[in-house]
Amino acid sequence: MLTPHTQSISVWGWKIPELCMYKRLLGLECFGCGITRSIVYTVHGEFSMAVEKHLLGIPIVAMVIICGIRSLIRFTLSK
């Protein structure tokens, strides 16, 4: 489904255009550039590439997984 590339991401083979307006207008990366690619690389298990793209990709995925498990536990215990 999502496929990471060094400069972009594709969904089912269709390349997603650059969405960062800062980068589009000034040609410079902002503080958030690369975080989506980092998250996709993390989900694909390519941790070295994830860290190379953005340092927060792995912690964000970990936080989402932990919050999901926590919500599931709360949901099952509330019944």
Protein backbone atom coordinates (compact mmCIF):
# COMPACT_ATOMS: atom_id res chain seq x y z
CA MET A 1 0.00 0.00 0.00
CA LEU A 2 2.41 2.75 1.19
CA THR A 3 5.89 2.51 -0.27
CA PRO A 4 8.67 4.77 0.99
CA HIS A 5 11.27 6.23 -1.36
CA THR A 6 14.20 8.47 -0.47
CA GLN A 7 12.44 11.66 -1.64
CA SER A 8 8.75 10.71 -1.69
CA ILE A 9 6.07 8.16 -0.81
CA SER A 10 3.84 6.27 -3.19
CA VAL A 11 0.41 4.80 -2.55
CA TRP A 12 -0.32 1.74 -4.69
CA GLY A 13 2.35 2.93 -7.12
CA TRP A 14 1.10 6.53 -7.37
CA LYS A 15 3.67 9.08 -6.17
CA ILE A 16 2.34 11.58 -3.62
CA PRO A 17 3.42 15.13 -4.49
CA GLU A 18 5.47 17.25 -2.09
CA LEU A 19 2.99 18.73 0.42
CA CYS A 20 5.25 20.97 2.51
CA MET A 21 4.55 24.56 1.45
CA TYR A 22 7.75 25.76 3.13
CA LYS A 23 9.82 23.38 1.01
CA ARG A 24 7.81 24.15 -2.14
CA LEU A 25 8.22 27.92 -1.76
CA LEU A 26 11.73 28.21 -0.32
CA GLY A 27 13.33 24.91 -1.33
CA LEU A 28 14.37 24.26 2.29
CA GLU A 29 13.15 21.51 4.57
CA CYS A 30 11.11 22.52 7.62
CA PHE A 31 11.37 20.82 11.04
CA GLY A 32 8.68 18.31 10.05
CA CYS A 33 9.98 17.35 6.62
CA GLY A 34 10.61 13.62 6.37
CA ILE A 35 8.41 12.58 9.27
CA THR A 36 5.86 10.81 7.06
CA ARG A 37 8.60 8.90 5.26
CA SER A 38 10.15 8.07 8.64
CA ILE A 39 6.84 6.65 9.89
CA VAL A 40 6.37 4.58 6.74
CA TYR A 41 9.95 3.26 6.95
CA THR A 42 9.31 2.36 10.62
CA VAL A 43 6.15 0.44 9.76
CA HIS A 44 8.12 -1.40 7.06
CA GLY A 45 10.78 -2.27 9.65
CA GLU A 46 13.54 -0.19 8.03
CA PHE A 47 14.64 1.57 11.20
CA SER A 48 17.96 2.95 9.95
CA MET A 49 16.20 4.69 7.04
CA ALA A 50 13.50 5.91 9.45
CA VAL A 51 16.09 7.56 11.68
CA GLU A 52 17.84 9.01 8.64
CA LYS A 53 14.62 10.71 7.47
CA HIS A 54 13.43 12.01 10.87
CA LEU A 55 14.25 11.15 14.48
CA LEU A 56 10.64 11.25 15.69
CA GLY A 57 9.23 8.61 13.30
CA ILE A 58 10.00 5.61 15.52
CA PRO A 59 8.75 7.21 18.79
CA ILE A 60 5.52 8.31 17.08
CA VAL A 61 4.81 4.78 15.82
CA ALA A 62 5.64 3.36 19.26
CA MET A 63 3.30 5.87 20.93
CA VAL A 64 0.45 5.03 18.53
CA ILE A 65 0.90 1.30 19.19
CA ILE A 66 1.01 1.80 22.97
CA CYS A 67 -2.09 4.04 22.91
CA GLY A 68 -3.92 1.51 20.74
CA ILE A 69 -3.09 -1.37 23.09
CA ARG A 70 -4.05 0.72 26.10
CA SER A 71 -7.40 1.62 24.52
CA LEU A 72 -8.06 -2.01 23.64
CA ILE A 73 -7.34 -3.09 27.22
CA ARG A 74 -9.62 -0.39 28.64
CA PHE A 75 -12.37 -1.33 26.19
CA THR A 76 -12.20 -5.04 27.03
CA LEU A 77 -12.05 -4.45 30.79
CA SER A 78 -15.03 -2.06 30.76
CA LYS A 79 -17.41 -4.79 29.57
